[in-house]
Amino acid sequence: MEDLIINSLKEHYAVAERFVNDPATARNIEKAARLIASSIKAGGKVLTCGNGGSLCDATHFAEELTGRFRDSRAPLPAMAINDPAHITCTTNDYSFEKIFSRVVEALGRPGDVLCGFSTSGTSKNVVEAARAAREKGMKVVGFTRAGENPLAALSDAVIAVDHGGYSDRIQEMHITAVHIIIEGVERLVKDCL
């Protein structure tokens, strides 16, 4: 058991080190924070989506904005697309690929931001949401892995993690980036709260 623990921690550290040392990481985290802050300052909102663990990260992102992160402040407009009634209705009546894009089509407005989480960058429902966001004039922040993929291609800012193994290490970097982005957004919108 000790070898499992040590090896997991070493793998996490190696992925984190690559993430930190990639010059694109800081640029895209800052770009994401600025896109979100600009949207909020202009009266816009953030929609988030993902599947499985990535939906948990997307939900965590939205609740940190509407609730609080570290310090008390006014709530910021955000919503995770995670309503089970909507998801089952849309899957039944249309397809699983439409579960996020239907909400983007219904609630998205020009200047809003979609944060899509897909560790592969190929999740069809997240990619469909990104396409719908583009059509609505929204900005897209993609949380994915390094390399070319459909979500990255549709994104204005790409939080990309260089890891070829299981998605858990990618998600660990995504949630770290989420926390940094929230702190940046809070700093950028402080004068508006």
Protein backbone atom coordinates (compact mmCIF):
# COMPACT_ATOMS: atom_id res chain seq x y z
CA MET A 1 0.00 0.00 0.00
CA GLU A 2 2.81 2.42 0.76
CA ASP A 3 4.17 2.02 -2.78
CA LEU A 4 0.73 2.91 -4.19
CA ILE A 5 0.65 6.08 -2.10
CA ILE A 6 4.21 7.15 -2.90
CA ASN A 7 3.84 6.41 -6.62
CA SER A 8 0.55 8.32 -6.80
CA LEU A 9 2.06 11.34 -5.08
CA LYS A 10 5.11 11.23 -7.35
CA GLU A 11 2.91 11.04 -10.44
CA HIS A 12 0.82 13.98 -9.19
CA TYR A 13 3.99 15.97 -8.58
CA ALA A 14 5.34 15.19 -12.07
CA VAL A 15 2.09 16.28 -13.74
CA ALA A 16 1.93 19.41 -11.59
CA GLU A 17 5.53 20.26 -12.44
CA ARG A 18 4.82 20.02 -16.19
CA PHE A 19 1.66 22.11 -15.72
CA VAL A 20 3.52 24.82 -13.81
CA ASN A 21 6.46 24.92 -16.22
CA ASP A 22 4.32 25.22 -19.35
CA PRO A 23 4.30 28.97 -20.21
CA ALA A 24 0.81 28.59 -21.68
CA THR A 25 -0.62 27.62 -18.28
CA ALA A 26 -0.25 31.01 -16.60
CA ARG A 27 -1.27 32.85 -19.79
CA ASN A 28 -4.47 30.84 -20.19
CA ILE A 29 -5.41 30.93 -16.51
CA GLU A 30 -5.08 34.72 -16.60
CA LYS A 31 -7.00 34.90 -19.88
CA ALA A 32 -9.81 32.77 -18.40
CA ALA A 33 -10.03 34.97 -15.29
CA ARG A 34 -10.13 38.11 -17.43
CA LEU A 35 -12.81 36.70 -19.77
CA ILE A 36 -15.00 35.76 -16.81
CA ALA A 37 -14.44 39.05 -14.97
CA SER A 38 -15.20 41.06 -18.12
CA SER A 39 -18.42 39.12 -18.61
CA ILE A 40 -19.52 39.64 -15.00
CA LYS A 41 -18.68 43.36 -15.12
CA ALA A 42 -20.83 43.66 -18.26
CA GLY A 43 -23.78 41.90 -16.62
CA GLY A 44 -23.00 38.45 -18.01
CA LYS A 45 -22.81 35.05 -16.40
CA VAL A 46 -20.83 31.82 -16.37
CA LEU A 47 -22.25 28.44 -17.37
CA THR A 48 -20.25 25.29 -16.61
CA CYS A 49 -20.52 21.69 -17.78
CA GLY A 50 -18.73 18.34 -17.83
CA ASN A 51 -19.28 14.60 -17.32
CA GLY A 52 -18.64 12.51 -14.21
CA GLY A 53 -15.74 13.90 -12.20
CA SER A 54 -15.53 16.80 -14.63
CA LEU A 55 -19.16 17.69 -13.84
CA CYS A 56 -18.17 17.72 -10.18
CA ASP A 57 -15.37 20.18 -11.06
CA ALA A 58 -17.79 22.27 -13.14
CA THR A 59 -20.28 22.31 -10.27
CA HIS A 60 -17.55 23.21 -7.79
CA PHE A 61 -16.53 26.12 -10.03
CA ALA A 62 -20.08 27.51 -10.19
CA GLU A 63 -20.76 27.13 -6.47
CA GLU A 64 -17.53 28.91 -5.56
CA LEU A 65 -18.70 31.85 -7.69
CA THR A 66 -22.29 31.98 -6.40
CA GLY A 67 -21.36 31.11 -2.83
CA ARG A 68 -17.96 32.16 -1.62
CA PHE A 69 -14.37 31.14 -2.10
CA ARG A 70 -12.14 32.38 0.73
CA ASP A 71 -13.74 35.60 1.89
CA SER A 72 -17.30 36.88 2.01
CA ARG A 73 -18.37 38.91 -1.02
CA ALA A 74 -21.41 39.42 -3.22
CA PRO A 75 -22.43 36.30 -5.18
CA LEU A 76 -21.23 36.13 -8.76
CA PRO A 77 -23.56 34.90 -11.53
CA ALA A 78 -22.78 31.28 -12.41
CA MET A 79 -24.65 28.03 -12.98
CA ALA A 80 -23.53 24.46 -13.48
CA ILE A 81 -25.61 22.55 -16.02
CA ASN A 82 -26.33 19.61 -13.74
CA ASP A 83 -30.11 19.39 -13.23
CA PRO A 84 -31.03 15.66 -13.35
CA ALA A 85 -34.55 16.39 -14.64
CA HIS A 86 -33.17 18.40 -17.55
CA ILE A 87 -30.47 15.83 -18.30
CA THR A 88 -32.89 12.87 -18.37
CA CYS A 89 -35.53 14.81 -20.30
CA THR A 90 -33.09 15.98 -22.93
CA THR A 91 -31.44 12.56 -23.22
CA ASN A 92 -34.84 10.92 -23.63
CA ASP A 93 -36.28 13.47 -26.08
CA TYR A 94 -33.13 14.35 -28.06
CA SER A 95 -29.82 12.70 -27.16
CA PHE A 96 -27.14 12.70 -24.48
CA GLU A 97 -25.06 14.87 -26.82
CA LYS A 98 -27.58 17.73 -26.38
CA ILE A 99 -27.79 17.87 -22.56
CA PHE A 100 -25.52 20.90 -22.21
CA SER A 101 -26.09 22.66 -25.53
CA ARG A 102 -29.84 22.95 -24.93
CA VAL A 103 -29.22 24.98 -21.76
CA VAL A 104 -26.62 27.10 -23.54
CA GLU A 105 -29.16 27.77 -26.31
CA ALA A 106 -31.85 28.65 -23.74
CA LEU A 107 -29.84 30.76 -21.27
CA GLY A 108 -26.64 31.81 -23.00
CA ARG A 109 -26.27 35.41 -24.13
CA PRO A 110 -23.55 37.21 -26.08
CA GLY A 111 -20.70 38.00 -23.71
CA ASP A 112 -21.46 35.15 -21.30
CA VAL A 113 -18.78 32.51 -20.68
CA LEU A 114 -19.05 28.73 -20.95
CA CYS A 115 -16.50 26.71 -18.99
CA GLY A 116 -16.44 23.22 -20.47
CA PHE A 117 -14.60 20.39 -18.71
CA SER A 118 -13.47 17.34 -20.70
CA THR A 119 -10.24 15.55 -19.83
CA SER A 120 -10.13 14.09 -23.35
CA GLY A 121 -11.41 17.19 -25.12
CA THR A 122 -13.66 14.92 -27.15
CA SER A 123 -16.79 14.58 -24.97
CA LYS A 124 -19.49 15.13 -27.58
CA ASN A 125 -21.93 16.86 -25.23
CA VAL A 126 -19.28 19.31 -23.98
CA VAL A 127 -18.10 19.99 -27.55
CA GLU A 128 -21.73 20.57 -28.62
CA ALA A 129 -22.13 23.04 -25.75
CA ALA A 130 -18.99 24.88 -26.88
CA ARG A 131 -20.34 25.07 -30.43
CA ALA A 132 -23.68 26.39 -29.16
CA ALA A 133 -21.83 28.96 -27.04
CA ARG A 134 -19.87 30.16 -30.07
CA GLU A 135 -23.10 30.52 -32.04
CA LYS A 136 -24.55 32.61 -29.18
CA GLY A 137 -21.54 34.95 -29.14
CA MET A 138 -20.25 33.58 -25.85
CA LYS A 139 -16.62 33.04 -24.85
CA VAL A 140 -15.42 29.50 -24.11
CA VAL A 141 -12.90 28.33 -21.54
CA GLY A 142 -11.90 24.72 -22.16
CA PHE A 143 -10.49 22.54 -19.39
CA THR A 144 -8.85 19.60 -21.12
CA ARG A 145 -5.62 17.73 -21.82
CA ALA A 146 -2.69 19.05 -23.83
CA GLY A 147 -2.74 18.54 -27.59
CA GLU A 148 -5.22 19.08 -30.36
CA ASN A 149 -8.83 18.20 -29.59
CA PRO A 150 -12.27 19.57 -30.52
CA LEU A 151 -12.86 21.38 -27.22
CA ALA A 152 -9.50 23.15 -27.36
CA ALA A 153 -10.21 24.21 -30.95
CA LEU A 154 -13.46 25.90 -29.87
CA SER A 155 -11.98 27.61 -26.80
CA ASP A 156 -10.80 31.17 -26.26
CA ALA A 157 -8.67 30.04 -23.30
CA VAL A 158 -7.50 26.45 -22.90
CA ILE A 159 -6.48 25.06 -19.53
CA ALA A 160 -4.51 22.11 -20.90
CA VAL A 161 -2.76 19.45 -18.82
CA ASP A 162 0.10 17.41 -20.26
CA HIS A 163 -0.65 13.87 -19.11
CA GLY A 164 -1.23 10.72 -21.12
CA GLY A 165 -2.48 8.56 -18.25
CA TYR A 166 -5.73 8.39 -16.36
CA SER A 167 -7.90 11.49 -16.15
CA ASP A 168 -7.66 11.88 -12.36
CA ARG A 169 -4.30 13.67 -12.60
CA ILE A 170 -5.73 16.01 -15.24
CA GLN A 171 -8.70 16.77 -13.00
CA GLU A 172 -6.34 17.54 -10.11
CA MET A 173 -4.73 20.28 -12.19
CA HIS A 174 -8.10 21.52 -13.43
CA ILE A 175 -9.41 22.09 -9.91
CA THR A 176 -6.19 23.89 -8.98
CA ALA A 177 -6.67 26.16 -12.01
CA VAL A 178 -10.32 26.71 -11.01
CA HIS A 179 -9.27 27.97 -7.60
CA ILE A 180 -6.68 30.33 -9.11
CA ILE A 181 -9.18 31.62 -11.67
CA ILE A 182 -11.76 32.33 -8.95
CA GLU A 183 -9.22 34.25 -6.91
CA GLY A 184 -8.27 36.22 -10.02
CA VAL A 185 -11.91 36.95 -10.88
CA GLU A 186 -12.56 38.17 -7.36
CA ARG A 187 -9.62 40.54 -7.60
CA LEU A 188 -10.69 41.81 -11.03
CA VAL A 189 -14.34 42.44 -10.11
CA LYS A 190 -13.71 43.73 -6.56
CA ASP A 191 -14.55 47.31 -7.52
CA CYS A 192 -17.94 46.15 -8.86
CA LEU A 193 -19.07 44.20 -5.78
